[in-house]
Protein backbone atom coordinates (compact mmCIF):
# COMPACT_ATOMS: atom_id res chain seq x y z
CA MET A 1 -68.09 5.33 61.44
CA ASN A 2 -67.54 1.63 61.12
CA ILE A 3 -67.01 1.74 57.29
CA LYS A 4 -64.52 4.70 57.55
CA GLN A 5 -62.80 2.86 60.22
CA ASN A 6 -62.54 -0.39 58.14
CA PHE A 7 -61.28 1.45 55.15
CA CYS A 8 -58.49 3.22 57.27
CA ASN A 9 -57.37 -0.06 58.68
CA HIS A 10 -57.23 -1.88 55.32
CA PHE A 11 -56.18 1.15 53.26
CA PHE A 12 -52.91 -0.49 51.99
CA LEU A 13 -54.86 -3.69 50.81
CA TYR A 14 -57.40 -1.55 48.92
CA ILE A 15 -54.69 0.41 47.09
CA LEU A 16 -52.64 -2.69 46.42
CA VAL A 17 -55.65 -4.41 44.87
CA ALA A 18 -56.57 -1.38 42.73
CA LEU A 19 -53.02 -1.15 41.45
CA ILE A 20 -52.80 -4.87 40.56
CA PHE A 21 -56.07 -4.49 38.60
CA VAL A 22 -54.76 -1.46 36.68
CA VAL A 23 -51.40 -3.00 35.88
CA SER A 24 -53.16 -6.19 34.74
CA VAL A 25 -55.54 -4.07 32.24
CA PHE A 26 -52.52 -2.19 30.86
CA SER A 27 -50.55 -5.40 30.39
CA TYR A 28 -53.46 -7.34 28.77
CA ARG A 29 -53.91 -4.43 26.36
CA ARG A 30 -50.24 -4.18 25.42
CA PHE A 31 -49.33 -7.94 25.18
CA ILE A 32 -52.55 -9.48 23.93
CA ILE A 33 -54.47 -6.81 21.98
CA LYS A 34 -51.48 -4.73 20.62
CA GLN A 35 -48.92 -7.44 20.69
CA ASP A 36 -46.31 -4.99 21.75
CA TYR A 37 -43.21 -7.29 22.32
CA LEU A 38 -40.22 -8.81 20.63
CA VAL A 39 -40.14 -12.47 19.51
CA GLY A 40 -36.91 -14.33 19.56
CA TYR A 41 -36.26 -17.48 17.78
CA GLU A 42 -33.58 -19.53 15.96
CA SER A 43 -33.22 -19.16 12.14
CA VAL A 44 -31.16 -21.22 9.50
CA CYS A 45 -27.65 -19.88 9.16
CA ASP A 46 -25.72 -20.49 5.68
CA LEU A 47 -22.24 -21.64 6.68
CA ALA A 48 -20.99 -20.66 3.16
CA VAL A 49 -21.87 -17.05 3.77
CA ASN A 50 -21.39 -16.68 7.56
CA THR A 51 -18.21 -18.83 8.21
CA ASN A 52 -17.45 -18.76 12.01
CA LYS A 53 -20.59 -16.73 12.62
CA CYS A 54 -23.16 -19.37 13.06
CA PHE A 55 -24.17 -21.01 16.31
CA GLU A 56 -23.87 -24.70 16.50
CA GLY A 57 -26.58 -26.91 17.95
CA CYS A 58 -27.33 -30.60 18.25
CA ASP A 59 -30.62 -32.60 17.94
CA ASP A 60 -29.58 -35.20 20.44
CA ASP A 61 -27.17 -35.74 23.54
CA ALA A 62 -24.66 -37.68 21.47
CA CYS A 63 -24.46 -34.71 18.93
CA THR A 64 -24.68 -37.05 15.88
CA GLU A 65 -26.63 -34.56 14.02
CA LYS A 66 -25.38 -30.78 14.11
CA TYR A 67 -27.31 -27.93 12.77
CA TYR A 68 -26.40 -24.27 12.38
CA TYR A 69 -28.37 -21.33 13.33
CA LEU A 70 -28.49 -17.64 14.09
CA LYS A 71 -30.76 -15.89 16.48
CA MET A 72 -33.49 -13.61 15.23
CA VAL A 73 -35.26 -10.97 17.14
CA LYS A 74 -38.36 -9.46 15.45
CA TYR A 75 -41.24 -7.03 16.65
CA ALA A 76 -44.26 -9.45 17.00
CA PRO A 77 -46.75 -7.28 14.99
CA ASP A 78 -44.33 -7.31 11.95
CA LEU A 79 -43.67 -11.03 12.17
CA TYR A 80 -47.40 -11.96 12.45
CA LYS A 81 -48.24 -9.50 9.64
CA GLU A 82 -45.66 -11.26 7.26
CA CYS A 83 -46.27 -15.00 8.40
CA GLY A 84 -49.43 -15.33 10.23
CA GLU A 85 -49.58 -17.32 13.41
CA ASP A 86 -47.23 -20.15 12.07
CA ILE A 87 -43.76 -18.71 11.60
CA THR A 88 -41.92 -22.12 11.29
CA ASN A 89 -42.27 -22.25 7.52
CA CYS A 90 -42.05 -18.77 6.61
CA GLU A 91 -39.44 -17.30 4.45
CA SER A 92 -40.00 -13.76 5.54
CA ALA A 93 -39.21 -14.87 9.16
CA LYS A 94 -35.61 -15.91 8.08
CA SER A 95 -34.47 -12.33 7.31
CA CYS A 96 -34.95 -8.71 8.35
CA LEU A 97 -37.15 -6.90 5.75
CA PRO A 98 -36.89 -3.18 5.06
CA ASP A 99 -40.25 -2.33 6.58
CA ASN A 100 -39.54 -4.19 9.87
CA ARG A 101 -39.42 -1.75 12.87
CA GLU A 102 -37.22 -3.70 15.28
CA CYS A 103 -35.36 -6.57 13.77
CA SER A 104 -32.00 -7.96 14.53
CA MET A 105 -29.82 -10.92 13.42
CA ILE A 106 -27.52 -12.20 16.24
CA TYR A 107 -24.54 -14.03 15.10
CA CYS A 108 -22.27 -16.19 17.20
CA ASN A 109 -19.48 -14.51 19.13
CA PRO A 110 -16.72 -16.89 20.30
CA GLU A 111 -15.62 -14.43 23.11
CA VAL A 112 -19.15 -14.71 24.80
CA LYS A 113 -19.09 -17.53 27.41
CA GLY A 114 -21.63 -20.25 26.76
CA ASP A 115 -21.99 -19.61 22.92
CA THR A 116 -21.01 -22.68 20.84
CA CYS A 117 -19.80 -21.23 17.37
CA ALA A 118 -19.28 -23.26 14.30
CA THR A 119 -15.58 -23.13 13.41
CA GLU A 120 -13.97 -23.66 10.14
CA THR A 121 -12.53 -27.02 11.12
CA ASN A 122 -16.06 -28.28 12.29
CA THR A 123 -17.59 -27.04 9.18
CA GLN A 124 -14.90 -28.85 7.02
CA ASN A 125 -15.29 -31.97 8.93
CA ASP A 126 -19.16 -31.95 8.40
CA THR A 127 -18.87 -31.59 4.79
CA LYS A 128 -16.42 -34.34 4.44
CA GLU A 129 -18.83 -36.62 6.47
CA GLU A 130 -21.77 -35.46 4.17
CA SER A 131 -19.80 -36.26 1.04
CA LEU A 132 -18.72 -39.69 2.37
CA GLN A 133 -22.41 -40.51 3.19
CA ASN A 134 -23.43 -39.37 -0.18
CA ASN A 135 -20.90 -41.58 -1.82
CA GLU A 136 -22.00 -44.74 -0.04
């Protein structure tokens, strides 16, 4: 009687612990074993091809050195199959390949609040500064 009474008094706790265990096992299988998730990262954006579509970023607070990027989203198994564990120096990570299952390249949209897009005037000023530095 005492065991049955104890189970009835703590029924919710036992069910909750069992559910947490089941969810943990399924999550471990999905994210660690199968790597079933999307990876988002920044990729190099060519201003000559994508004028006004590149995001603009800065390496420091004073914004002395600007860089231009686009946002990539790829399915993790495809990305790791193409590049291995290190995706930083991988050419395949910079574009969507035909055999990628879920891949998207997100360009800057000036209408979205918070997006800092490279404008033509910014890119022209940057190329002028680069040419002046090269001449010196």
